[in-house]
Amino acid sequence: MKIPIQIKNISQNFFCAIIVFIMATAIVFSQNINLSGEVFGYDINSRPIQLPGAKVFTMPSNTGVLTSNRGTFSISVPASDEKLIVSFIGYETDTILISRISDKNGIRVQLKNVHLEGVEVVDDKVATQLSFSSGVRSESITTRGLQKAACCNLSESFTTTPSVDVQYSDAVTGAKRIQLLGLQSVYSQVQSENMPMMRGLAANYGFAFVPGQWLEAISISKGASTVKNGYESISGLINVDYKKSESEYPTFLNFYTNSDLSMEVNADHTINFSDKVGTVIFLHSNYTGKENDHNKDGFIDRPTGYQFNFMNR
């Protein structure tokens, strides 16, 4: 028994399915609308200027483009989008309802300039900064790094960095010296704002005469430096930078004491006579009067004495 197959009906159904698919695709594509126009603003002389690179997008689909060099744009967005948003740096963002746009191919968007009352710039320094700009590895100890040693002089300011080794050169007076690359401080050049300092006897005793609270930063460079810094920097170069009259805090007061009755006072005050002329007065005093012998060996653990420093920068 043979069952006839209706090939004619199958081909008709397949043809109808193709037509339905094409019509559905056309309906889907017909749901998008085309928007085009230009974006412009006004300069400081109130002259109209085109805004290239302005951001143009619609919501809620978040479909967007950037304007061309002439400030024009052309975008195809879903018909369900309701808002056209235009933004550009230095201008106020503008939002337009798409339903209220009469000519969707001739949109002209004018952005208004942003008028700021003021800008506050906040900076935060790290404790240690590395720089390779001059071809030499330089390490800079900033104010935050110096704050880790609240009671200190220049020799004790290096306790927070492994680049410099600090040792006692004289146990009687408590004088300290530094080492760079294993060499003593006489082979290192110490500068005060690019001016040589601490030569001769001061190489062993001068570090205690520079209070740490007076400093703003310390720059350390290992190895032989350039010719402009001099021939003394065989093992390295240390440059100390004092606080400036443009400091954030015009008046500073610091007091320190510990269980051994060692006391220290630091103070500085800024006087600005004009925008170009100013001075900073620095005061420092420390006192160690109590004789401590914690290990009971018959020798005091720390030399006693007092010191007073004054500088007008």
Protein backbone atom coordinates (compact mmCIF):
# COMPACT_ATOMS: atom_id res chain seq x y z
CA MET A 1 0.00 0.00 0.00
CA LYS A 2 1.46 3.37 -1.02
CA ILE A 3 0.90 6.66 0.96
CA PRO A 4 1.07 9.73 -1.24
CA ILE A 5 3.16 12.67 0.14
CA GLN A 6 1.86 16.17 -0.54
CA ILE A 7 5.11 17.90 -1.53
CA LYS A 8 3.16 20.86 -2.82
CA ASN A 9 1.70 21.64 0.62
CA ILE A 10 5.15 21.30 2.32
CA SER A 11 6.77 23.75 -0.08
CA GLN A 12 3.92 26.22 0.46
CA ASN A 13 4.32 26.04 4.27
CA PHE A 14 8.12 26.56 4.02
CA PHE A 15 7.62 29.56 1.75
CA CYS A 16 5.12 31.07 4.18
CA ALA A 17 7.54 30.59 7.09
CA ILE A 18 10.26 32.50 5.22
CA ILE A 19 7.89 35.37 4.51
CA VAL A 20 6.82 35.52 8.18
CA PHE A 21 10.49 35.57 9.30
CA ILE A 22 11.36 38.40 6.90
CA MET A 23 8.37 40.44 8.04
CA ALA A 24 9.24 39.91 11.73
CA THR A 25 12.84 40.98 11.09
CA ALA A 26 11.65 44.09 9.29
CA ILE A 27 9.37 44.90 12.24
CA VAL A 28 12.27 44.53 14.69
CA PHE A 29 14.53 46.81 12.65
CA SER A 30 11.72 49.28 12.19
CA GLN A 31 11.63 49.76 15.98
CA ASN A 32 14.89 51.77 15.87
CA ILE A 33 14.83 55.50 15.22
CA ASN A 34 17.60 57.63 13.78
CA LEU A 35 18.75 60.79 15.52
CA SER A 36 21.24 63.27 14.07
CA GLY A 37 22.28 66.84 14.70
CA GLU A 38 25.07 68.96 16.16
CA VAL A 39 26.37 70.01 19.56
CA PHE A 40 27.75 73.50 20.17
CA GLY A 41 28.55 75.93 22.97
CA TYR A 42 30.01 79.38 23.56
CA ASP A 43 33.59 80.38 24.37
CA ILE A 44 34.72 83.06 26.83
CA ASN A 45 34.05 85.72 24.17
CA SER A 46 30.43 84.55 23.75
CA ARG A 47 31.10 83.20 20.27
CA PRO A 48 29.47 79.90 19.21
CA ILE A 49 31.91 77.00 18.85
CA GLN A 50 31.43 73.39 17.84
CA LEU A 51 32.18 70.74 20.46
CA PRO A 52 34.00 67.73 18.99
CA GLY A 53 34.17 64.65 21.20
CA ALA A 54 30.98 65.40 23.12
CA LYS A 55 29.20 62.34 24.49
CA VAL A 56 25.70 61.73 23.11
CA PHE A 57 23.68 58.78 24.42
CA THR A 58 20.10 57.74 25.10
CA MET A 59 18.45 56.15 28.09
CA PRO A 60 17.55 53.57 29.23
CA SER A 61 19.37 51.54 26.54
CA ASN A 62 22.60 53.57 27.12
CA THR A 63 23.33 53.67 23.39
CA GLY A 64 25.75 56.43 22.54
CA VAL A 65 28.35 57.98 20.25
CA LEU A 66 30.87 60.84 20.28
CA THR A 67 30.48 63.89 18.10
CA SER A 68 32.77 64.33 15.09
CA ASN A 69 35.36 67.04 14.55
CA ARG A 70 32.58 69.34 13.40
CA GLY A 71 30.43 68.61 16.44
CA THR A 72 27.90 66.52 14.52
CA PHE A 73 26.46 63.15 15.48
CA SER A 74 24.25 60.43 14.01
CA ILE A 75 22.88 57.59 16.09
CA SER A 76 20.33 54.79 15.75
CA VAL A 77 18.54 54.03 19.01
CA PRO A 78 15.65 51.82 20.10
CA ALA A 79 12.22 53.39 19.90
CA SER A 80 11.70 52.62 23.61
CA ASP A 81 14.36 55.14 24.65
CA GLU A 82 12.92 58.27 26.22
CA LYS A 83 15.85 60.62 26.93
CA LEU A 84 18.72 62.05 24.89
CA ILE A 85 21.66 63.08 27.11
CA VAL A 86 24.56 65.26 25.89
CA SER A 87 27.67 65.99 28.01
CA PHE A 88 31.03 67.67 27.48
CA ILE A 89 33.86 68.63 29.83
CA GLY A 90 33.51 72.22 31.02
CA TYR A 91 29.81 72.41 30.12
CA GLU A 92 26.60 71.49 31.91
CA THR A 93 25.01 68.19 30.90
CA ASP A 94 21.76 68.60 28.96
CA THR A 95 18.86 66.12 28.92
CA ILE A 96 16.20 66.20 26.14
CA LEU A 97 12.98 64.19 25.86
CA ILE A 98 12.99 62.35 22.53
CA SER A 99 9.22 62.55 22.25
CA ARG A 100 9.41 66.36 22.15
CA ILE A 101 11.93 66.49 19.31
CA SER A 102 10.07 67.58 16.19
CA ASP A 103 12.92 67.24 13.68
CA LYS A 104 14.91 64.16 14.66
CA ASN A 105 17.43 64.70 11.84
CA GLY A 106 18.15 68.34 12.63
CA ILE A 107 18.75 68.37 16.40
CA ARG A 108 20.73 71.36 17.69
CA VAL A 109 21.97 71.01 21.26
CA GLN A 110 23.43 74.06 23.01
CA LEU A 111 25.45 73.36 26.17
CA LYS A 112 25.93 76.00 28.84
CA ASN A 113 29.32 76.78 30.36
CA VAL A 114 30.05 75.61 33.89
CA HIS A 115 30.86 78.43 36.32
CA LEU A 116 32.84 77.19 39.34
CA GLU A 117 33.05 79.08 42.61
CA GLY A 118 36.44 77.52 43.38
CA VAL A 119 38.47 74.34 43.20
CA GLU A 120 40.23 72.72 46.15
CA VAL A 121 43.23 70.54 45.31
CA VAL A 122 44.23 68.06 48.02
CA ASP A 123 47.58 66.29 47.92
CA ASP A 124 48.82 63.44 50.06
CA LYS A 125 52.48 62.47 50.12
CA VAL A 126 53.85 58.99 50.65
CA ALA A 127 56.54 58.32 53.26
CA THR A 128 59.24 57.49 50.69
CA GLN A 129 59.48 58.36 47.00
CA LEU A 130 61.82 56.88 44.38
CA SER A 131 62.97 58.79 41.32
CA PHE A 132 65.03 57.73 38.29
CA SER A 133 64.57 60.92 36.25
CA SER A 134 68.22 62.01 36.50
CA GLY A 135 69.63 58.59 35.64
CA VAL A 136 70.53 57.97 39.29
CA ARG A 137 68.31 56.14 41.76
CA SER A 138 67.25 58.80 44.26
CA GLU A 139 65.20 58.22 47.38
CA SER A 140 63.29 61.04 49.04
CA ILE A 141 62.02 60.93 52.63
CA THR A 142 58.97 63.19 52.77
CA THR A 143 57.28 64.90 55.71
CA ARG A 144 55.18 61.81 56.36
CA GLY A 145 58.33 59.69 56.65
CA LEU A 146 59.88 62.17 59.07
CA GLN A 147 56.75 62.08 61.24
CA LYS A 148 57.54 58.47 62.14
CA ALA A 149 60.42 59.77 64.28
CA ALA A 150 58.66 62.37 66.42
CA CYS A 151 61.76 63.22 68.50
CA CYS A 152 64.76 63.26 66.23
CA ASN A 153 67.63 65.12 64.70
CA LEU A 154 69.08 64.59 61.24
CA SER A 155 70.96 61.42 62.19
CA GLU A 156 67.84 59.85 63.72
CA SER A 157 65.75 60.75 60.67
CA PHE A 158 67.34 57.87 58.73
CA THR A 159 66.00 55.20 61.07
CA THR A 160 62.93 54.77 58.86
CA THR A 161 64.89 54.00 55.67
CA PRO A 162 67.26 51.06 55.00
CA SER A 163 69.36 53.12 52.57
CA VAL A 164 71.42 54.79 55.32
CA ASP A 165 73.07 53.07 58.30
CA VAL A 166 73.39 55.11 61.51
CA GLN A 167 76.11 54.30 64.07
CA TYR A 168 77.57 55.87 67.20
CA SER A 169 80.94 57.45 66.51
CA ASP A 170 81.55 58.50 70.12
CA ALA A 171 79.93 56.81 73.12
CA VAL A 172 80.91 59.63 75.49
CA THR A 173 79.25 62.48 73.62
CA GLY A 174 76.62 60.35 71.87
CA ALA A 175 77.65 61.65 68.44
CA LYS A 176 76.39 59.64 65.50
CA ARG A 177 77.61 59.14 61.97
CA ILE A 178 76.08 57.62 58.88
CA GLN A 179 77.24 55.08 56.34
CA LEU A 180 76.40 54.85 52.66
CA LEU A 181 77.45 51.73 50.73
CA GLY A 182 79.52 50.67 53.75
CA LEU A 183 81.64 53.84 53.80
CA GLN A 184 81.70 56.43 56.58
CA SER A 185 80.07 59.82 56.36
CA VAL A 186 83.32 61.57 55.34
CA TYR A 187 82.95 59.87 51.95
CA SER A 188 79.39 61.13 51.55
CA GLN A 189 78.49 64.67 50.64
CA VAL A 190 75.82 66.30 52.82
CA GLN A 191 74.13 69.39 51.40
CA SER A 192 71.70 71.91 52.79
CA GLU A 193 69.44 72.81 49.87
CA ASN A 194 72.25 72.07 47.37
CA MET A 195 74.86 73.95 49.44
CA PRO A 196 77.68 71.81 50.94
CA MET A 197 77.67 71.45 54.73
CA MET A 198 79.14 69.24 57.48
CA ARG A 199 82.80 69.14 56.52
CA GLY A 200 85.68 68.22 58.81
CA LEU A 201 84.65 67.70 62.43
CA ALA A 202 81.05 68.47 61.54
CA ALA A 203 80.93 65.19 59.58
CA ASN A 204 80.78 63.33 62.91
CA TYR A 205 79.02 65.86 65.16
CA GLY A 206 76.99 68.03 62.79
CA PHE A 207 74.07 65.63 62.34
CA ALA A 208 72.90 66.22 65.92
CA PHE A 209 72.72 69.99 65.30
CA VAL A 210 70.04 69.75 62.60
CA PRO A 211 66.61 69.15 64.22
CA GLY A 212 64.34 66.84 62.29
CA GLN A 213 61.27 69.03 62.82
CA TRP A 214 62.89 71.76 60.74
CA LEU A 215 63.10 69.54 57.68
CA GLU A 216 60.60 69.19 54.88
CA ALA A 217 62.30 66.38 52.95
CA ILE A 218 65.59 64.47 52.65
CA SER A 219 66.94 63.27 49.29
CA ILE A 220 69.37 60.35 49.18
CA SER A 221 71.41 59.28 46.13
CA LYS A 222 73.79 56.32 46.33
CA GLY A 223 77.04 56.15 44.41
CA ALA A 224 79.13 58.85 42.79
CA SER A 225 77.05 61.84 41.79
CA THR A 226 77.43 64.26 38.90
CA VAL A 227 80.12 66.93 38.58
CA LYS A 228 77.74 69.76 39.47
CA ASN A 229 77.41 68.39 43.03
CA GLY A 230 81.17 68.27 43.64
CA TYR A 231 83.83 65.61 44.03
CA GLU A 232 83.06 64.74 47.66
CA SER A 233 80.11 62.46 46.94
CA ILE A 234 82.06 59.22 46.57
CA SER A 235 79.59 56.90 48.28
CA GLY A 236 76.51 59.06 47.92
CA LEU A 237 74.79 62.39 48.30
CA ILE A 238 72.36 63.55 50.99
CA ASN A 239 70.46 66.80 50.52
CA VAL A 240 68.26 68.20 53.29
CA ASP A 241 65.41 70.57 52.50
CA TYR A 242 64.09 72.94 55.18
CA LYS A 243 60.51 74.11 55.56
CA LYS A 244 59.54 76.98 53.28
CA SER A 245 57.64 80.17 53.99
CA GLU A 246 54.87 78.81 51.73
CA SER A 247 54.22 76.04 54.26
CA GLU A 248 50.68 74.93 54.92
CA TYR A 249 51.02 75.68 58.64
CA PRO A 250 52.42 79.17 59.38
CA THR A 251 52.98 78.35 63.07
CA PHE A 252 54.13 74.99 64.39
CA LEU A 253 54.82 73.83 67.97
CA ASN A 254 56.01 70.39 69.02
CA PHE A 255 56.81 69.11 72.52
CA TYR A 256 58.24 65.71 73.44
CA THR A 257 59.21 63.92 76.65
CA ASN A 258 59.74 60.31 77.70
CA SER A 259 60.18 58.15 80.79
CA ASP A 260 63.91 59.01 80.99
CA LEU A 261 62.99 62.70 81.46
CA SER A 262 64.43 63.67 78.10
CA MET A 263 62.59 66.72 76.81
CA GLU A 264 62.51 68.42 73.45
CA VAL A 265 60.72 71.51 72.14
CA ASN A 266 60.46 72.55 68.47
CA ALA A 267 58.79 75.67 67.12
CA ASP A 268 58.75 77.58 63.86
CA HIS A 269 56.81 80.63 62.69
CA THR A 270 56.38 82.04 59.19
CA ILE A 271 56.28 85.77 58.44
CA ASN A 272 55.29 86.74 54.90
CA PHE A 273 55.97 90.38 54.14
CA SER A 274 54.58 90.06 50.60
CA ASP A 275 53.92 87.44 47.95
CA LYS A 276 57.64 87.29 47.12
CA VAL A 277 59.34 88.05 50.45
CA GLY A 278 59.02 85.88 53.53
CA THR A 279 61.05 84.41 56.39
CA VAL A 280 60.79 81.46 58.77
CA ILE A 281 62.08 81.51 62.36
CA PHE A 282 63.12 78.13 63.77
CA LEU A 283 63.67 77.28 67.46
CA HIS A 284 64.82 74.00 68.97
CA SER A 285 65.81 72.94 72.48
CA ASN A 286 66.45 69.56 74.08
CA TYR A 287 67.53 68.53 77.57
CA THR A 288 68.68 65.24 79.05
CA GLY A 289 69.51 65.60 82.72
CA LYS A 290 68.70 62.26 84.30
CA GLU A 291 71.51 59.71 84.53
CA ASN A 292 70.11 56.30 83.63
CA ASP A 293 71.96 53.02 84.10
CA HIS A 294 69.43 50.31 83.32
CA ASN A 295 71.97 47.48 82.90
CA LYS A 296 73.82 48.39 86.13
CA ASP A 297 77.30 48.37 84.59
CA GLY A 298 78.45 51.60 86.22
CA PHE A 299 78.14 53.66 83.02
CA ILE A 300 75.18 55.83 82.09
CA ASP A 301 73.25 54.63 79.06
CA ARG A 302 72.96 58.04 77.44
CA PRO A 303 75.07 61.18 77.76
CA THR A 304 73.48 64.09 79.60
CA GLY A 305 73.39 67.67 78.40
CA TYR A 306 71.28 70.28 76.73
CA GLN A 307 71.19 71.99 73.34
CA PHE A 308 69.61 75.12 71.94
CA ASN A 309 69.32 75.93 68.21
CA PHE A 310 68.04 79.03 66.44
CA MET A 311 67.82 79.78 62.72
CA ASN A 312 66.20 82.51 60.67
CA ARG A 313 65.63 81.23 57.14
